[in-house]
Amino acid sequence: MIASELAVLERDLLAAHEASDGNALIGLYAVAADKAEASDDIDSAAFFLTHAWIFALERGDERAEALRARLASWGRVD
């Protein structure tokens, strides 16, 4: 991920946290996970995806199961 993309993602994540925008947080953490995975950084991808999953669980969001399945595919959850 190039530095400007990372800076925009970090800014957007901070803004979503400040606004308590759970929907945005799910999406932004999932995007961060996608970018980390594309860079073959599965540890970072799992970190971001775990955050997305937790926010999805808290909201009862339908994306929670797909996020969990992705974590399971990396051996991060049962």
Protein backbone atom coordinates (compact mmCIF):
# COMPACT_ATOMS: atom_id res chain seq x y z
CA MET A 1 0.00 0.00 0.00
CA ILE A 2 1.43 3.38 -0.90
CA ALA A 3 1.90 5.99 1.81
CA SER A 4 -0.90 8.27 0.62
CA GLU A 5 -3.42 5.38 0.61
CA LEU A 6 -2.34 4.43 4.13
CA ALA A 7 -2.68 8.03 5.32
CA VAL A 8 -6.21 8.30 3.89
CA LEU A 9 -7.23 4.97 5.42
CA GLU A 10 -5.81 5.97 8.82
CA ARG A 11 -7.62 9.33 8.64
CA ASP A 12 -10.89 7.65 7.73
CA LEU A 13 -10.53 5.08 10.51
CA LEU A 14 -9.87 7.78 13.09
CA ALA A 15 -12.87 9.77 11.89
CA ALA A 16 -15.11 6.69 12.01
CA HIS A 17 -13.94 5.91 15.54
CA GLU A 18 -14.57 9.50 16.62
CA ALA A 19 -18.06 9.40 15.10
CA SER A 20 -18.75 5.92 16.53
CA ASP A 21 -19.71 4.87 13.00
CA GLY A 22 -19.71 1.10 13.34
CA ASN A 23 -20.79 0.51 9.75
CA ALA A 24 -17.87 2.54 8.41
CA LEU A 25 -15.48 0.84 10.83
CA ILE A 26 -16.47 -2.61 9.57
CA GLY A 27 -15.84 -1.58 5.99
CA LEU A 28 -12.63 0.33 6.64
CA TYR A 29 -11.05 -2.41 8.73
CA ALA A 30 -12.03 -4.93 6.04
CA VAL A 31 -10.36 -2.75 3.40
CA ALA A 32 -7.24 -2.52 5.57
CA ALA A 33 -7.28 -6.33 5.86
CA ASP A 34 -7.63 -6.69 2.09
CA LYS A 35 -4.66 -4.41 1.50
CA ALA A 36 -2.51 -6.21 4.06
CA GLU A 37 -3.45 -9.59 2.58
CA ALA A 38 -2.56 -8.34 -0.91
CA SER A 39 0.88 -7.52 0.49
CA ASP A 40 1.14 -11.07 1.93
CA ASP A 41 1.05 -9.67 5.48
CA ILE A 42 -1.45 -12.12 6.95
CA ASP A 43 -0.68 -11.16 10.55
CA SER A 44 -1.67 -7.54 9.87
CA ALA A 45 -4.61 -8.66 7.75
CA ALA A 46 -5.87 -10.84 10.61
CA PHE A 47 -5.44 -7.94 13.06
CA PHE A 48 -7.57 -5.63 10.91
CA LEU A 49 -10.09 -8.32 10.07
CA THR A 50 -10.54 -9.14 13.75
CA HIS A 51 -11.48 -5.52 14.36
CA ALA A 52 -13.95 -5.60 11.47
CA TRP A 53 -15.44 -8.84 12.83
CA ILE A 54 -15.84 -7.49 16.36
CA PHE A 55 -17.59 -4.35 15.13
CA ALA A 56 -19.83 -6.52 12.94
CA LEU A 57 -20.70 -8.76 15.89
CA GLU A 58 -21.49 -5.73 18.05
CA ARG A 59 -23.88 -4.40 15.43
CA GLY A 60 -25.41 -7.74 14.48
CA ASP A 61 -24.17 -7.01 10.96
CA GLU A 62 -24.67 -9.67 8.31
CA ARG A 63 -20.98 -9.41 7.32
CA ALA A 64 -19.89 -10.99 10.63
CA GLU A 65 -20.05 -14.58 9.40
CA ALA A 66 -18.03 -13.90 6.24
CA LEU A 67 -15.42 -12.05 8.29
CA ARG A 68 -15.22 -14.97 10.75
CA ALA A 69 -14.89 -17.44 7.89
CA ARG A 70 -11.96 -15.47 6.51
CA LEU A 71 -10.26 -15.48 9.89
CA ALA A 72 -10.90 -19.23 10.14
CA SER A 73 -9.28 -19.78 6.75
CA TRP A 74 -6.08 -18.35 8.26
CA GLY A 75 -6.42 -20.50 11.37
CA ARG A 76 -7.20 -17.49 13.58
CA VAL A 77 -10.58 -18.75 14.90
CA ASP A 78 -12.30 -22.13 15.05
